[in-house]
Amino acid sequence: MKKNRRLRAVAVVAILVASFGLATPFGTGISPVAAAPAYGVGITRCTFVDHSRVVLNYAKTPYRVSSRSRVLVTEIRYPTAFVAGGSTESAGAAPVPRSGGYPIVVFAHGYDVTPDTYAALLDAWTRAGFVVIAPIFPDESASAVAAEHGANTENDLINEPGDLTFVTKAVLQDSANESSNCRVAFGLVDQSEIALAGHSDGAEVVGMLAYDHGLDPQGVNYATLRTGIDFRAIVILSGAEDTYQSYATEASRPDLMVVQSRADQCNPMGHGVQLYDAIHQPNKWFLELLTAHHLPPFDGADAAAFAVVSMTTIRFLQVSLQGDAPTSSLLTLGNQRPTIARMYSGTNGPSMNNVAPVRESCGPN
């Protein structure tokens, strides 16, 4: 794990950016424009408790067990009826029924924040017709970091792939069988259309779950850990490879999108390129942001970069999970605004030539 690479919370954007639809066909040379979102956003929290694993207190030397169970409070965003001029999110609103359920994005947040930090992006995905499942990690959320008085809790990264699979399986079970624990999940999701996404530390966790072939802290092989969940798409937002264990291409080869900025000071460009190059498969894409920093393209603070990230990730999810259009259209969309971003695909990822070195710092940016 990379020590001292911490994602610090920044001010939440006052006005959340709306979801971007596509008003023009790809390949026409016409830039896509914003369209009315298909859905509103319902939001609720469900709590899932894994009694087989512990939570550690990293403020103690040596580390001590602070809880005998991992309590995973999980934010669930889901499509509701769209109301023009309505509130951005509606707590407890009824989901719009969908035969077979909605495709899922399981999201892993970064260090010292919560899923709410990414509300703009998670809402955009939901407005486009995806259910977003985002657990709050017991040792890396903002409240947990504060409670441990600034101790470096990033060692808990190795436990978080297990958190993601535990929560995913719990939601799938509650979708198939009505439960009093998470009523909104019943009939909500499609078990065959699942994506993994994460930012910063959360992106590293997603990469570990998707590609690591070593053992997790419980002695379970990561390949076994992800068995039984049909991950069909992986989204790495400003992430890095877990260099402590080897990556291996899965037989299923889920589609991969890496988003990384040349100007990211917290997680330099080379980390994203290294991860991208380690995955040997043709169905992968790299969205290179030119001037954005670590968090603003994903929380909405950098409106221009956020617009590109929102549109391309939505399109990637539509293509990968729902087979909506030929994959070549992703290149067209990602290259629509060349002063902001460039899209690559397959083995032809971005070159590190002429990438200026940056001073690594994860302060507000």
Protein backbone atom coordinates (compact mmCIF):
# COMPACT_ATOMS: atom_id res chain seq x y z
CA MET A 1 0.00 0.00 0.00
CA LYS A 2 1.12 3.55 -0.62
CA LYS A 3 1.59 5.32 2.68
CA ASN A 4 0.85 9.01 3.17
CA ARG A 5 -1.29 9.11 0.03
CA ARG A 6 -4.41 10.46 1.64
CA LEU A 7 -7.51 11.92 0.13
CA ARG A 8 -8.55 14.91 2.23
CA ALA A 9 -12.10 16.18 2.22
CA VAL A 10 -12.77 19.43 0.44
CA ALA A 11 -15.83 21.63 0.41
CA VAL A 12 -18.86 19.97 -1.10
CA VAL A 13 -20.13 21.67 -4.21
CA ALA A 14 -23.18 23.77 -3.39
CA ILE A 15 -25.00 23.01 -6.62
CA LEU A 16 -24.74 19.43 -7.81
CA VAL A 17 -24.20 18.96 -11.51
CA ALA A 18 -27.06 17.20 -13.30
CA SER A 19 -26.64 13.93 -15.13
CA PHE A 20 -25.59 14.13 -18.77
CA GLY A 21 -27.55 12.27 -21.40
CA LEU A 22 -26.64 12.03 -25.06
CA ALA A 23 -28.76 14.11 -27.39
CA THR A 24 -26.82 13.30 -30.58
CA PRO A 25 -25.50 10.04 -32.04
CA PHE A 26 -21.82 9.20 -31.70
CA GLY A 27 -19.63 9.46 -34.74
CA THR A 28 -21.52 12.42 -36.19
CA GLY A 29 -18.86 14.95 -35.21
CA ILE A 30 -21.44 16.83 -33.18
CA SER A 31 -20.62 17.37 -29.53
CA PRO A 32 -23.09 15.71 -27.16
CA VAL A 33 -25.17 18.11 -25.14
CA ALA A 34 -26.86 17.79 -21.78
CA ALA A 35 -30.27 16.17 -21.86
CA ALA A 36 -32.95 15.82 -19.23
CA PRO A 37 -32.08 13.04 -16.77
CA ALA A 38 -34.15 9.89 -17.09
CA TYR A 39 -34.77 9.52 -13.35
CA GLY A 40 -34.74 11.25 -10.03
CA VAL A 41 -32.50 10.04 -7.20
CA GLY A 42 -33.75 8.16 -4.17
CA ILE A 43 -31.30 7.63 -1.34
CA THR A 44 -31.37 5.47 1.75
CA ARG A 45 -28.98 3.73 4.11
CA CYS A 46 -28.92 0.06 4.97
CA THR A 47 -26.60 -1.53 7.51
CA PHE A 48 -24.94 -4.88 6.90
CA VAL A 49 -22.89 -6.56 9.64
CA ASP A 50 -20.09 -9.02 8.85
CA HIS A 51 -19.52 -10.98 12.06
CA SER A 52 -16.61 -12.92 10.59
CA ARG A 53 -14.14 -10.01 10.41
CA VAL A 54 -12.92 -7.34 12.83
CA VAL A 55 -12.28 -3.59 12.81
CA LEU A 56 -8.89 -2.42 14.09
CA ASN A 57 -7.91 0.70 16.00
CA TYR A 58 -4.82 2.04 14.25
CA ALA A 59 -4.24 4.71 16.89
CA LYS A 60 -2.97 2.00 19.23
CA THR A 61 0.47 0.40 19.09
CA PRO A 62 0.28 -2.46 18.39
CA TYR A 63 -3.06 -2.25 16.60
CA ARG A 64 -6.00 -3.38 18.70
CA VAL A 65 -9.42 -4.72 17.81
CA SER A 66 -12.03 -1.99 18.24
CA SER A 67 -14.97 -4.11 17.06
CA ARG A 68 -15.48 -7.85 16.66
CA SER A 69 -17.72 -7.23 13.64
CA ARG A 70 -17.46 -4.99 10.61
CA VAL A 71 -20.54 -2.77 10.61
CA LEU A 72 -20.99 -1.56 7.05
CA VAL A 73 -23.41 1.34 6.81
CA THR A 74 -24.19 1.50 3.11
CA GLU A 75 -25.66 4.31 1.05
CA ILE A 76 -27.95 3.12 -1.71
CA ARG A 77 -28.95 5.48 -4.51
CA TYR A 78 -31.70 4.28 -6.84
CA PRO A 79 -33.84 5.65 -9.70
CA THR A 80 -37.08 7.41 -8.76
CA ALA A 81 -39.63 9.30 -10.83
CA PHE A 82 -38.02 12.40 -12.34
CA VAL A 83 -39.61 15.67 -11.27
CA ALA A 84 -38.41 18.79 -13.07
CA GLY A 85 -37.21 21.35 -10.56
CA GLY A 86 -37.39 18.81 -7.75
CA SER A 87 -34.77 18.28 -5.06
CA THR A 88 -31.47 16.69 -5.99
CA GLU A 89 -32.02 13.64 -3.79
CA SER A 90 -35.14 12.26 -2.12
CA ALA A 91 -34.68 10.25 1.06
CA GLY A 92 -36.94 7.23 1.15
CA ALA A 93 -38.75 7.92 -2.14
CA ALA A 94 -40.19 4.88 -3.92
CA PRO A 95 -38.05 3.45 -6.73
CA VAL A 96 -39.42 3.29 -10.25
CA PRO A 97 -40.15 -0.42 -10.90
CA ARG A 98 -38.03 -2.05 -13.61
CA SER A 99 -38.54 -5.57 -14.88
CA GLY A 100 -35.51 -7.62 -13.90
CA GLY A 101 -34.08 -4.81 -11.77
CA TYR A 102 -31.50 -2.11 -12.45
CA PRO A 103 -27.80 -2.55 -13.23
CA ILE A 104 -25.57 -1.95 -10.20
CA VAL A 105 -22.47 0.15 -9.56
CA VAL A 106 -20.68 -0.84 -6.35
CA PHE A 107 -18.64 2.22 -5.32
CA ALA A 108 -15.62 2.48 -3.00
CA HIS A 109 -14.87 5.92 -1.54
CA GLY A 110 -11.42 7.37 -0.88
CA TYR A 111 -9.57 8.19 2.32
CA ASP A 112 -11.02 10.51 4.98
CA VAL A 113 -14.30 11.11 3.12
CA THR A 114 -17.66 9.36 2.65
CA PRO A 115 -19.71 8.44 -0.43
CA ASP A 116 -21.52 11.80 -0.05
CA THR A 117 -18.30 13.50 -1.16
CA TYR A 118 -19.01 12.10 -4.62
CA ALA A 119 -22.74 12.88 -4.59
CA ALA A 120 -22.59 14.73 -7.91
CA LEU A 121 -21.14 11.76 -9.78
CA LEU A 122 -23.12 9.07 -7.96
CA ASP A 123 -26.33 11.02 -8.57
CA ALA A 124 -25.45 11.34 -12.26
CA TRP A 125 -25.07 7.57 -12.55
CA THR A 126 -28.37 7.06 -10.75
CA ARG A 127 -30.20 9.56 -12.98
CA ALA A 128 -28.98 7.53 -15.95
CA GLY A 129 -30.62 4.38 -14.59
CA PHE A 130 -28.11 2.69 -12.28
CA VAL A 131 -28.37 1.66 -8.64
CA VAL A 132 -25.29 2.81 -6.74
CA ILE A 133 -24.24 0.84 -3.66
CA ALA A 134 -21.59 2.62 -1.56
CA PRO A 135 -20.46 1.20 1.80
CA ILE A 136 -18.83 3.52 4.33
CA PHE A 137 -15.53 1.90 5.29
CA PRO A 138 -15.10 1.40 9.05
CA ASP A 139 -11.51 2.71 9.23
CA GLU A 140 -11.19 5.09 6.26
CA SER A 141 -14.32 7.23 6.47
CA ALA A 142 -13.97 10.83 7.65
CA SER A 143 -15.52 10.08 11.05
CA ALA A 144 -13.33 7.02 11.59
CA VAL A 145 -10.14 8.92 10.77
CA ALA A 146 -11.14 11.70 13.16
CA ALA A 147 -11.96 9.19 15.90
CA GLU A 148 -8.49 7.67 15.59
CA HIS A 149 -6.86 11.09 16.00
CA GLY A 150 -5.10 11.24 12.67
CA ALA A 151 -3.58 7.76 12.79
CA ASN A 152 -2.72 6.31 9.40
CA THR A 153 -5.63 3.92 8.90
CA GLU A 154 -4.80 3.15 5.26
CA ASN A 155 -3.53 -0.28 6.28
CA ASP A 156 -7.21 -1.22 6.37
CA LEU A 157 -7.27 -1.16 2.57
CA ILE A 158 -6.58 -4.88 2.58
CA ASN A 159 -9.88 -5.50 4.40
CA GLU A 160 -12.01 -3.40 2.07
CA PRO A 161 -12.29 -5.80 -0.89
CA GLY A 162 -14.02 -8.11 1.58
CA ASP A 163 -16.32 -5.24 2.57
CA LEU A 164 -17.32 -4.71 -1.06
CA THR A 165 -18.11 -8.36 -1.72
CA PHE A 166 -19.98 -8.75 1.58
CA VAL A 167 -22.20 -5.74 0.88
CA THR A 168 -22.73 -6.70 -2.76
CA LYS A 169 -23.85 -10.21 -1.84
CA ALA A 170 -26.11 -8.85 0.91
CA VAL A 171 -27.84 -6.47 -1.51
CA LEU A 172 -28.23 -9.22 -4.11
CA GLN A 173 -29.78 -11.47 -1.48
CA ASP A 174 -32.15 -8.74 -0.27
CA SER A 175 -33.12 -8.03 -3.86
CA ALA A 176 -34.01 -11.68 -4.45
CA ASN A 177 -35.68 -12.23 -1.07
CA GLU A 178 -37.62 -9.53 0.73
CA SER A 179 -35.91 -8.58 3.98
CA SER A 180 -36.77 -6.26 6.84
CA ASN A 181 -33.12 -5.18 6.94
CA CYS A 182 -33.08 -3.39 3.58
CA ARG A 183 -36.60 -3.23 2.20
CA VAL A 184 -35.77 -0.90 -0.69
CA ALA A 185 -33.48 -3.54 -2.19
CA PHE A 186 -36.27 -6.04 -2.87
CA GLY A 187 -36.55 -6.52 -6.63
CA LEU A 188 -34.29 -3.50 -7.17
CA VAL A 189 -31.21 -4.87 -8.95
CA ASP A 190 -30.19 -7.08 -11.84
CA GLN A 191 -27.76 -9.70 -10.55
CA SER A 192 -26.13 -10.10 -13.97
CA GLU A 193 -25.27 -6.41 -14.51
CA ILE A 194 -22.71 -5.35 -11.89
CA ALA A 195 -19.88 -2.82 -12.09
CA LEU A 196 -17.14 -1.98 -9.57
CA ALA A 197 -15.98 1.63 -9.27
CA GLY A 198 -13.80 3.55 -6.85
CA HIS A 199 -11.74 6.69 -6.35
CA SER A 200 -8.25 7.09 -4.91
CA ASP A 201 -7.81 4.53 -2.10
CA GLY A 202 -11.20 3.15 -3.12
CA ALA A 203 -9.93 2.70 -6.67
CA GLU A 204 -6.98 0.69 -5.38
CA VAL A 205 -9.42 -1.48 -3.42
CA VAL A 206 -11.48 -2.05 -6.58
CA GLY A 207 -8.33 -3.05 -8.48
CA MET A 208 -7.39 -5.49 -5.72
CA LEU A 209 -10.81 -7.12 -5.77
CA ALA A 210 -10.95 -7.28 -9.56
CA TYR A 211 -7.40 -8.43 -10.32
CA ASP A 212 -5.33 -9.53 -7.30
CA HIS A 213 -4.45 -13.21 -7.12
CA GLY A 214 -2.95 -13.33 -3.65
CA LEU A 215 -4.63 -13.79 -0.29
CA ASP A 216 -6.77 -11.38 1.70
CA PRO A 217 -6.27 -10.98 5.51
CA GLN A 218 -8.57 -13.96 6.13
CA GLY A 219 -6.42 -16.20 3.94
CA VAL A 220 -9.01 -16.19 1.14
CA ASN A 221 -7.72 -15.89 -2.40
CA TYR A 222 -9.04 -12.74 -4.08
CA ALA A 223 -10.14 -14.85 -7.04
CA THR A 224 -12.28 -16.88 -4.64
CA LEU A 225 -13.52 -13.73 -2.90
CA ARG A 226 -15.06 -12.40 -6.10
CA THR A 227 -16.52 -15.75 -7.16
CA GLY A 228 -20.26 -15.69 -7.50
CA ILE A 229 -20.49 -11.99 -8.37
CA ASP A 230 -20.75 -11.19 -12.06
CA PHE A 231 -18.57 -8.10 -12.24
CA ARG A 232 -18.81 -6.98 -15.86
CA ALA A 233 -17.17 -3.55 -15.66
CA ILE A 234 -14.39 -1.94 -13.62
CA VAL A 235 -13.97 1.85 -13.21
CA ILE A 236 -10.70 3.12 -11.67
CA LEU A 237 -10.82 6.84 -10.84
CA SER A 238 -7.38 8.19 -9.94
CA GLY A 239 -6.22 4.86 -8.61
CA ALA A 240 -3.10 2.73 -8.47
CA GLU A 241 -2.07 -0.89 -8.73
CA ASP A 242 -1.57 -2.97 -5.61
CA THR A 243 2.08 -3.76 -6.28
CA TYR A 244 2.30 -6.09 -3.28
CA GLN A 245 0.36 -8.75 -5.15
CA SER A 246 0.39 -9.71 -8.80
CA TYR A 247 -2.43 -8.70 -11.09
CA ALA A 248 -3.82 -11.30 -13.45
CA THR A 249 -6.31 -11.05 -16.28
CA GLU A 250 -9.58 -12.74 -15.41
CA ALA A 251 -11.10 -15.30 -17.73
CA SER A 252 -14.26 -13.16 -17.79
CA ARG A 253 -12.26 -10.03 -18.71
CA PRO A 254 -14.67 -7.36 -17.48
CA ASP A 255 -14.45 -4.08 -19.35
CA LEU A 256 -12.03 -1.62 -17.74
CA MET A 257 -12.01 2.18 -17.69
CA VAL A 258 -9.19 4.12 -16.02
CA VAL A 259 -9.60 7.87 -15.45
CA GLN A 260 -6.45 9.76 -14.48
CA SER A 261 -5.16 13.32 -14.73
CA ARG A 262 -1.71 14.47 -15.79
CA ALA A 263 -1.90 17.17 -13.10
CA ASP A 264 -2.98 14.92 -10.21
CA GLN A 265 -0.62 15.67 -7.32
CA CYS A 266 -2.07 13.10 -4.92
CA ASN A 267 -1.92 10.11 -7.22
CA PRO A 268 0.48 10.91 -10.08
CA MET A 269 -0.28 9.96 -13.66
CA GLY A 270 2.26 7.15 -13.71
CA HIS A 271 0.27 5.14 -11.16
CA GLY A 272 -2.78 5.04 -13.42
CA VAL A 273 -0.70 4.15 -16.48
CA GLN A 274 1.05 1.37 -14.56
CA LEU A 275 -2.28 -0.14 -13.55
CA TYR A 276 -3.69 0.16 -17.07
CA ASP A 277 -0.63 -1.52 -18.58
CA ALA A 278 -0.82 -4.38 -16.04
CA ILE A 279 -4.24 -5.47 -17.35
CA HIS A 280 -3.63 -7.41 -20.55
CA GLN A 281 -6.89 -7.37 -22.46
CA PRO A 282 -8.27 -5.47 -25.46
CA ASN A 283 -11.52 -4.22 -23.86
CA LYS A 284 -10.07 -1.38 -21.82
CA TRP A 285 -10.12 2.42 -22.05
CA PHE A 286 -8.07 5.21 -20.51
CA LEU A 287 -9.54 8.70 -20.10
CA GLU A 288 -6.66 11.11 -19.61
CA LEU A 289 -7.61 14.44 -18.03
CA LEU A 290 -5.16 17.18 -18.89
CA THR A 291 -5.28 19.77 -16.11
CA ALA A 292 -7.64 18.49 -13.40
CA HIS A 293 -6.55 17.67 -9.87
CA HIS A 294 -7.29 14.67 -7.66
CA LEU A 295 -10.88 15.13 -6.47
CA PRO A 296 -12.55 17.99 -8.42
CA PRO A 297 -13.33 15.90 -11.57
CA PHE A 298 -15.34 13.54 -9.38
CA ASP A 299 -17.07 15.81 -6.85
CA GLY A 300 -18.08 18.44 -9.43
CA ALA A 301 -15.78 21.25 -8.31
CA ASP A 302 -14.05 21.19 -11.72
CA ALA A 303 -17.20 21.53 -13.83
CA ALA A 304 -15.52 21.01 -17.22
CA ALA A 305 -13.62 17.88 -16.23
CA PHE A 306 -16.62 16.58 -14.30
CA ALA A 307 -18.82 16.91 -17.39
CA VAL A 308 -16.45 14.73 -19.40
CA VAL A 309 -16.04 12.18 -16.60
CA SER A 310 -19.78 12.00 -16.02
CA MET A 311 -20.67 11.50 -19.69
CA THR A 312 -17.92 8.99 -20.46
CA THR A 313 -18.43 6.85 -17.36
CA ILE A 314 -22.19 6.76 -17.94
CA ARG A 315 -21.65 5.72 -21.54
CA PHE A 316 -19.05 3.13 -20.48
CA LEU A 317 -21.50 1.64 -17.98
CA GLN A 318 -24.30 1.60 -20.55
CA VAL A 319 -22.08 -0.16 -23.08
CA SER A 320 -20.52 -2.61 -20.63
CA LEU A 321 -23.59 -3.56 -18.61
CA GLN A 322 -26.39 -3.10 -21.10
CA GLY A 323 -24.73 -3.47 -24.49
CA ASP A 324 -26.27 -0.23 -25.70
CA ALA A 325 -23.91 0.64 -28.56
CA PRO A 326 -20.66 -0.33 -30.28
CA THR A 327 -17.71 0.29 -27.99
CA SER A 328 -15.94 2.48 -30.57
CA SER A 329 -18.30 5.29 -29.58
CA LEU A 330 -16.46 5.64 -26.28
CA LEU A 331 -13.42 6.94 -28.14
CA THR A 332 -15.54 9.49 -29.96
CA LEU A 333 -17.11 10.74 -26.76
CA GLY A 334 -13.88 10.83 -24.76
CA ASN A 335 -12.16 12.91 -27.42
CA GLN A 336 -14.94 15.47 -27.92
CA ARG A 337 -13.19 18.11 -25.77
CA PRO A 338 -9.45 17.72 -26.51
CA THR A 339 -8.43 20.66 -24.33
CA ILE A 340 -9.90 18.86 -21.30
CA ALA A 341 -9.48 15.14 -21.94
CA ARG A 342 -8.24 12.46 -24.33
CA MET A 343 -9.46 8.90 -24.63
CA TYR A 344 -7.34 5.85 -25.47
CA SER A 345 -8.32 2.22 -25.91
CA GLY A 346 -6.75 -1.22 -25.99
CA THR A 347 -2.98 -1.44 -25.74
CA ASN A 348 -2.53 2.14 -26.94
CA GLY A 349 -2.69 3.89 -23.59
CA PRO A 350 -1.25 7.34 -22.90
CA SER A 351 2.50 7.85 -23.05
CA MET A 352 4.42 9.14 -20.06
CA ASN A 353 6.65 11.20 -22.36
CA ASN A 354 6.48 14.90 -21.53
CA VAL A 355 4.46 14.29 -18.36
CA ALA A 356 5.85 16.85 -15.95
CA PRO A 357 6.83 15.48 -12.52
CA VAL A 358 4.56 16.63 -9.69
CA ARG A 359 5.20 17.06 -6.00
CA GLU A 360 3.08 14.40 -4.37
CA SER A 361 0.64 16.00 -1.97
CA CYS A 362 -2.88 14.99 -1.01
CA GLY A 363 -3.96 18.23 0.57
CA PRO A 364 -7.05 20.05 -0.76
CA ASN A 365 -6.72 20.32 -4.54
